Every structure is written in structure tokens, then in C-alpha cells.
Amino acid sequence: MKIKFDFKRIWTVVAGISLILLGFHWFGIDYQQLEISILALNVLAFILALPCSIFVLPVLVASNHYLELSPISSDGLYLNTIFLAVIGAMQWFWIAKLWSPSEPSVQMLDLPDGKAG
């Protein structure tokens, strides 16, 4: 039995659920379990968006140092989730096309005598 994981789809589902839960949090549903769920989904999105998600760490450190915005606080959830969604979308929908192009790397020649080179 061969199992093939499609990390792009898994990341899309995780980021989508995380953004939907963040919307619930925005509209006033303020449960501790909701914040923990969003943080857990952010960790999973961080892992699935490696190596580009490493660029999230300097932003979180800078926001903690300069804005005094803790990454695990209620306000830090917004920065974490939105930034991870943007970085992950860049990786999976833009940069991944450069890593693995769908076109073949070698182009076949169409020679006049009908033989391919």
C-alpha cells in the first residue's frame, strides 16, 4: 500500500480552517479552547509551509520586542494566522511552480526528416 501525501491540499485545508476560526474569534467568540485550536493549527501550518515559514519567525520576534505583542496572546493570533496564510500561499501557489515546473526540462526537436532528435 503506497500512500502519497499532497501537502499543498493539506496546507490549504489547515490554513482555511485556521482563517475561519480566526473569523469566529474576530466576531466575538472568545473561548480559550478556540485560541488553543488556532494556535495548534498555526503550528501545523508552520510545519507544512517549511522552509518559507521560517521567515515568520523574525516577524514574530520583532513584533514581540517592538510592539510587545506576544505570539501566543489573543492579539498575536491575528498576526500569526494571517502571516502564515500569506507565506504558505506564496510557497504552495507561487514558489512551488518554480521548484517543479509542469513542462519537461528537455524539449524534443522536430527535425525535417521526421526523426526526433
N, C-alpha and C. Protein backbone atom coordinates (compact mmCIF):
# COMPACT_ATOMS: atom_id res chain seq x y z
N MET A 1 0.84 -1.18 0.00
CA MET A 1 0.00 0.00 0.00
C MET A 1 0.89 1.24 0.00
N LYS A 2 0.74 2.02 -1.02
CA LYS A 2 1.56 3.23 -1.16
C LYS A 2 0.70 4.46 -0.86
N ILE A 3 1.13 5.23 0.10
CA ILE A 3 0.39 6.43 0.49
C ILE A 3 1.15 7.64 -0.01
N LYS A 4 0.46 8.49 -0.73
CA LYS A 4 1.07 9.72 -1.23
C LYS A 4 0.36 10.90 -0.60
N PHE A 5 1.12 11.75 0.06
CA PHE A 5 0.54 12.92 0.70
C PHE A 5 0.64 14.11 -0.24
N ASP A 6 -0.42 14.86 -0.32
CA ASP A 6 -0.43 16.09 -1.10
C ASP A 6 -0.40 17.24 -0.09
N PHE A 7 0.82 17.70 0.21
CA PHE A 7 0.99 18.71 1.25
C PHE A 7 0.34 20.04 0.89
N LYS A 8 0.21 20.32 -0.39
CA LYS A 8 -0.44 21.57 -0.81
C LYS A 8 -1.91 21.56 -0.38
N ARG A 9 -2.59 20.45 -0.60
CA ARG A 9 -4.00 20.37 -0.21
C ARG A 9 -4.15 20.33 1.31
N ILE A 10 -3.27 19.61 1.98
CA ILE A 10 -3.34 19.56 3.44
C ILE A 10 -3.12 20.95 4.02
N TRP A 11 -2.13 21.68 3.49
CA TRP A 11 -1.88 23.03 3.97
C TRP A 11 -3.08 23.93 3.69
N THR A 12 -3.70 23.79 2.52
CA THR A 12 -4.85 24.61 2.18
C THR A 12 -6.00 24.39 3.15
N VAL A 13 -6.26 23.15 3.52
CA VAL A 13 -7.33 22.84 4.48
C VAL A 13 -7.00 23.41 5.85
N VAL A 14 -5.75 23.21 6.30
CA VAL A 14 -5.34 23.70 7.62
C VAL A 14 -5.42 25.23 7.68
N ALA A 15 -4.90 25.90 6.65
CA ALA A 15 -4.94 27.37 6.63
C ALA A 15 -6.38 27.88 6.53
N GLY A 16 -7.20 27.21 5.74
CA GLY A 16 -8.60 27.63 5.62
C GLY A 16 -9.36 27.51 6.92
N ILE A 17 -9.19 26.38 7.60
CA ILE A 17 -9.86 26.19 8.89
C ILE A 17 -9.33 27.20 9.91
N SER A 18 -8.03 27.45 9.88
CA SER A 18 -7.45 28.42 10.80
C SER A 18 -8.01 29.83 10.56
N LEU A 19 -8.16 30.22 9.30
CA LEU A 19 -8.71 31.54 8.99
C LEU A 19 -10.20 31.63 9.35
N ILE A 20 -10.94 30.54 9.16
CA ILE A 20 -12.36 30.53 9.54
C ILE A 20 -12.49 30.67 11.06
N LEU A 21 -11.68 29.92 11.80
CA LEU A 21 -11.73 30.04 13.27
C LEU A 21 -11.29 31.43 13.72
N LEU A 22 -10.34 32.02 13.00
CA LEU A 22 -9.94 33.39 13.32
C LEU A 22 -11.08 34.37 13.09
N GLY A 23 -11.88 34.11 12.06
CA GLY A 23 -13.07 34.93 11.82
C GLY A 23 -14.07 34.82 12.96
N PHE A 24 -14.26 33.60 13.48
CA PHE A 24 -15.13 33.43 14.65
C PHE A 24 -14.58 34.21 15.84
N HIS A 25 -13.27 34.17 16.02
CA HIS A 25 -12.64 34.91 17.11
C HIS A 25 -12.83 36.41 16.93
N TRP A 26 -12.75 36.87 15.68
CA TRP A 26 -12.91 38.29 15.37
C TRP A 26 -14.31 38.78 15.72
N PHE A 27 -15.32 37.93 15.48
CA PHE A 27 -16.70 38.33 15.72
C PHE A 27 -17.15 38.13 17.16
N GLY A 28 -16.21 37.87 18.06
CA GLY A 28 -16.53 37.91 19.47
C GLY A 28 -16.63 36.59 20.19
N ILE A 29 -16.48 35.49 19.50
CA ILE A 29 -16.48 34.21 20.21
C ILE A 29 -15.11 34.08 20.86
N ASP A 30 -15.07 34.25 22.16
CA ASP A 30 -13.79 34.34 22.87
C ASP A 30 -13.65 33.20 23.87
N TYR A 31 -13.43 32.01 23.33
CA TYR A 31 -13.21 30.84 24.17
C TYR A 31 -11.72 30.52 24.19
N GLN A 32 -11.26 30.04 25.34
CA GLN A 32 -9.86 29.64 25.46
C GLN A 32 -9.55 28.46 24.54
N GLN A 33 -10.51 27.55 24.38
CA GLN A 33 -10.30 26.39 23.51
C GLN A 33 -10.18 26.82 22.05
N LEU A 34 -10.87 27.87 21.66
CA LEU A 34 -10.77 28.38 20.28
C LEU A 34 -9.37 28.93 20.02
N GLU A 35 -8.83 29.65 20.97
CA GLU A 35 -7.47 30.18 20.81
C GLU A 35 -6.44 29.06 20.77
N ILE A 36 -6.63 28.04 21.58
CA ILE A 36 -5.71 26.90 21.57
C ILE A 36 -5.80 26.16 20.24
N SER A 37 -7.01 26.03 19.72
CA SER A 37 -7.19 25.36 18.43
C SER A 37 -6.50 26.14 17.31
N ILE A 38 -6.64 27.46 17.34
CA ILE A 38 -6.00 28.28 16.31
C ILE A 38 -4.48 28.19 16.43
N LEU A 39 -3.96 28.20 17.65
CA LEU A 39 -2.51 28.06 17.84
C LEU A 39 -2.01 26.71 17.34
N ALA A 40 -2.77 25.65 17.61
CA ALA A 40 -2.37 24.31 17.14
C ALA A 40 -2.39 24.25 15.61
N LEU A 41 -3.39 24.86 15.00
CA LEU A 41 -3.44 24.90 13.53
C LEU A 41 -2.32 25.76 12.96
N ASN A 42 -1.95 26.82 13.68
CA ASN A 42 -0.82 27.65 13.23
C ASN A 42 0.49 26.87 13.27
N VAL A 43 0.67 26.05 14.29
CA VAL A 43 1.88 25.23 14.37
C VAL A 43 1.90 24.23 13.22
N LEU A 44 0.76 23.62 12.93
CA LEU A 44 0.68 22.67 11.82
C LEU A 44 0.91 23.37 10.48
N ALA A 45 0.35 24.57 10.30
CA ALA A 45 0.58 25.33 9.08
C ALA A 45 2.04 25.74 8.95
N PHE A 46 2.67 26.07 10.08
CA PHE A 46 4.09 26.40 10.07
C PHE A 46 4.92 25.22 9.59
N ILE A 47 4.62 24.03 10.09
CA ILE A 47 5.37 22.84 9.70
C ILE A 47 5.13 22.50 8.23
N LEU A 48 3.89 22.63 7.77
CA LEU A 48 3.58 22.29 6.39
C LEU A 48 4.13 23.31 5.39
N ALA A 49 4.40 24.52 5.85
CA ALA A 49 4.91 25.57 4.94
C ALA A 49 6.42 25.75 5.04
N LEU A 50 7.10 24.80 5.70
CA LEU A 50 8.56 24.89 5.72
C LEU A 50 9.09 24.73 4.31
N PRO A 51 10.10 25.39 3.89
CA PRO A 51 11.06 26.24 4.56
C PRO A 51 10.67 27.72 4.57
N CYS A 52 9.64 28.10 3.81
CA CYS A 52 9.28 29.53 3.74
C CYS A 52 8.73 30.07 5.05
N SER A 53 8.16 29.20 5.86
CA SER A 53 7.59 29.69 7.12
C SER A 53 8.66 30.13 8.11
N ILE A 54 9.91 29.84 7.84
CA ILE A 54 10.99 30.32 8.71
C ILE A 54 11.02 31.85 8.71
N PHE A 55 10.55 32.47 7.62
CA PHE A 55 10.52 33.93 7.56
C PHE A 55 9.48 34.54 8.49
N VAL A 56 8.61 33.72 9.04
CA VAL A 56 7.62 34.20 10.01
C VAL A 56 8.29 34.48 11.35
N LEU A 57 9.30 33.71 11.69
CA LEU A 57 9.95 33.84 13.00
C LEU A 57 10.53 35.23 13.26
N PRO A 58 11.28 35.86 12.32
CA PRO A 58 11.76 37.22 12.61
C PRO A 58 10.63 38.23 12.81
N VAL A 59 9.54 38.06 12.10
CA VAL A 59 8.40 38.98 12.28
C VAL A 59 7.80 38.81 13.67
N LEU A 60 7.67 37.56 14.12
CA LEU A 60 7.12 37.33 15.45
C LEU A 60 8.03 37.85 16.54
N VAL A 61 9.33 37.67 16.37
CA VAL A 61 10.29 38.17 17.36
C VAL A 61 10.27 39.70 17.37
N ALA A 62 10.24 40.32 16.20
CA ALA A 62 10.21 41.79 16.13
C ALA A 62 8.92 42.34 16.71
N SER A 63 7.79 41.68 16.43
CA SER A 63 6.53 42.19 16.98
C SER A 63 6.48 42.00 18.50
N ASN A 64 7.11 40.96 18.98
CA ASN A 64 7.16 40.76 20.43
C ASN A 64 8.07 41.79 21.08
N HIS A 65 9.18 42.12 20.42
CA HIS A 65 10.15 43.04 21.01
C HIS A 65 9.69 44.50 20.89
N TYR A 66 9.27 44.92 19.70
CA TYR A 66 8.96 46.32 19.47
C TYR A 66 7.51 46.69 19.81
N LEU A 67 6.57 45.80 19.50
CA LEU A 67 5.16 46.11 19.74
C LEU A 67 4.65 45.51 21.04
N GLU A 68 5.48 44.69 21.68
CA GLU A 68 5.09 43.96 22.88
C GLU A 68 3.82 43.16 22.64
N LEU A 69 3.80 42.49 21.48
CA LEU A 69 2.67 41.67 21.05
C LEU A 69 3.10 40.21 21.12
N SER A 70 2.69 39.52 22.15
CA SER A 70 3.09 38.13 22.35
C SER A 70 2.45 37.24 21.27
N PRO A 71 3.22 36.33 20.68
CA PRO A 71 2.66 35.45 19.64
C PRO A 71 1.57 34.51 20.15
N ILE A 72 1.54 34.25 21.46
CA ILE A 72 0.50 33.36 21.98
C ILE A 72 -0.65 34.12 22.63
N SER A 73 -0.63 35.44 22.53
CA SER A 73 -1.72 36.22 23.09
C SER A 73 -2.90 36.24 22.11
N SER A 74 -3.99 36.79 22.58
CA SER A 74 -5.18 36.86 21.74
C SER A 74 -4.95 37.75 20.52
N ASP A 75 -4.24 38.87 20.72
CA ASP A 75 -3.95 39.77 19.60
C ASP A 75 -2.88 39.19 18.67
N GLY A 76 -1.96 38.40 19.23
CA GLY A 76 -0.92 37.79 18.42
C GLY A 76 -1.45 36.72 17.48
N LEU A 77 -2.63 36.18 17.79
CA LEU A 77 -3.23 35.18 16.90
C LEU A 77 -3.48 35.73 15.51
N TYR A 78 -3.91 36.98 15.45
CA TYR A 78 -4.22 37.59 14.16
C TYR A 78 -2.96 37.70 13.30
N LEU A 79 -1.88 38.20 13.90
CA LEU A 79 -0.63 38.34 13.16
C LEU A 79 -0.11 36.97 12.73
N ASN A 80 -0.10 36.00 13.63
CA ASN A 80 0.39 34.66 13.31
C ASN A 80 -0.38 34.04 12.15
N THR A 81 -1.69 34.02 12.29
CA THR A 81 -2.53 33.31 11.33
C THR A 81 -2.47 33.96 9.96
N ILE A 82 -2.60 35.27 9.91
CA ILE A 82 -2.61 35.94 8.61
C ILE A 82 -1.24 35.85 7.94
N PHE A 83 -0.19 36.03 8.70
CA PHE A 83 1.15 35.97 8.10
C PHE A 83 1.49 34.56 7.65
N LEU A 84 1.12 33.54 8.43
CA LEU A 84 1.35 32.16 7.99
C LEU A 84 0.53 31.82 6.76
N ALA A 85 -0.68 32.36 6.66
CA ALA A 85 -1.50 32.11 5.47
C ALA A 85 -0.87 32.75 4.23
N VAL A 86 -0.36 33.96 4.38
CA VAL A 86 0.26 34.65 3.24
C VAL A 86 1.55 33.95 2.82
N ILE A 87 2.41 33.62 3.78
CA ILE A 87 3.68 32.96 3.45
C ILE A 87 3.43 31.57 2.86
N GLY A 88 2.51 30.82 3.44
CA GLY A 88 2.21 29.49 2.92
C GLY A 88 1.60 29.53 1.53
N ALA A 89 0.72 30.51 1.29
CA ALA A 89 0.15 30.65 -0.05
C ALA A 89 1.22 31.01 -1.07
N MET A 90 2.15 31.86 -0.67
CA MET A 90 3.26 32.17 -1.57
C MET A 90 4.05 30.93 -1.90
N GLN A 91 4.32 30.11 -0.90
CA GLN A 91 5.13 28.92 -1.14
C GLN A 91 4.39 27.91 -2.01
N TRP A 92 3.16 27.59 -1.66
CA TRP A 92 2.48 26.50 -2.34
C TRP A 92 1.88 26.88 -3.68
N PHE A 93 1.56 28.16 -3.90
CA PHE A 93 0.89 28.53 -5.14
C PHE A 93 1.75 29.37 -6.08
N TRP A 94 2.91 29.85 -5.61
CA TRP A 94 3.75 30.66 -6.49
C TRP A 94 5.15 30.06 -6.59
N ILE A 95 5.82 29.88 -5.48
CA ILE A 95 7.19 29.38 -5.50
C ILE A 95 7.24 27.91 -5.91
N ALA A 96 6.24 27.12 -5.54
CA ALA A 96 6.25 25.70 -5.89
C ALA A 96 6.22 25.49 -7.40
N LYS A 97 5.64 26.42 -8.13
CA LYS A 97 5.65 26.31 -9.59
C LYS A 97 7.06 26.48 -10.14
N LEU A 98 7.88 27.26 -9.46
CA LEU A 98 9.26 27.43 -9.89
C LEU A 98 10.11 26.22 -9.52
N TRP A 99 9.78 25.57 -8.39
CA TRP A 99 10.54 24.40 -7.96
C TRP A 99 10.27 23.19 -8.84
N SER A 100 9.04 22.99 -9.21
CA SER A 100 8.67 21.81 -10.01
C SER A 100 7.78 22.23 -11.17
N PRO A 101 8.39 22.68 -12.25
CA PRO A 101 7.58 23.10 -13.39
C PRO A 101 6.89 21.90 -14.03
N SER A 102 5.73 22.12 -14.62
CA SER A 102 4.98 21.04 -15.22
C SER A 102 5.49 20.71 -16.63
N GLU A 103 6.26 21.59 -17.20
CA GLU A 103 6.79 21.36 -18.53
C GLU A 103 8.07 20.54 -18.44
N PRO A 104 8.34 19.72 -19.46
CA PRO A 104 9.58 18.94 -19.41
C PRO A 104 10.80 19.85 -19.54
N SER A 105 11.88 19.44 -18.91
CA SER A 105 13.09 20.27 -18.94
C SER A 105 13.84 20.15 -20.26
N VAL A 106 13.58 19.08 -21.02
CA VAL A 106 14.23 18.87 -22.30
C VAL A 106 13.17 18.95 -23.39
N GLN A 107 13.43 19.72 -24.40
CA GLN A 107 12.47 19.89 -25.49
C GLN A 107 12.90 19.01 -26.66
N MET A 108 11.95 18.23 -27.19
CA MET A 108 12.23 17.37 -28.33
C MET A 108 12.31 18.22 -29.60
N LEU A 109 13.25 17.89 -30.46
CA LEU A 109 13.42 18.61 -31.72
C LEU A 109 12.56 17.97 -32.79
N ASP A 110 11.95 18.82 -33.59
CA ASP A 110 11.18 18.34 -34.72
C ASP A 110 12.01 18.54 -35.96
N LEU A 111 12.74 17.50 -36.36
CA LEU A 111 13.66 17.60 -37.50
C LEU A 111 12.91 17.40 -38.81
N PRO A 112 13.43 17.97 -39.90
CA PRO A 112 12.71 17.90 -41.18
C PRO A 112 12.54 16.47 -41.72
N ASP A 113 13.43 15.55 -41.40
CA ASP A 113 13.31 14.21 -41.95
C ASP A 113 12.35 13.32 -41.14
N GLY A 114 11.69 13.88 -40.14
CA GLY A 114 10.68 13.15 -39.40
C GLY A 114 11.20 12.40 -38.20
N LYS A 115 12.49 12.43 -37.96
CA LYS A 115 13.07 11.74 -36.81
C LYS A 115 13.27 12.73 -35.67
N ALA A 116 12.85 12.33 -34.48
CA ALA A 116 13.04 13.18 -33.31
C ALA A 116 14.43 12.95 -32.77
N GLY A 117 15.09 14.07 -32.41
CA GLY A 117 16.48 14.02 -32.00
C GLY A 117 16.72 13.50 -30.67
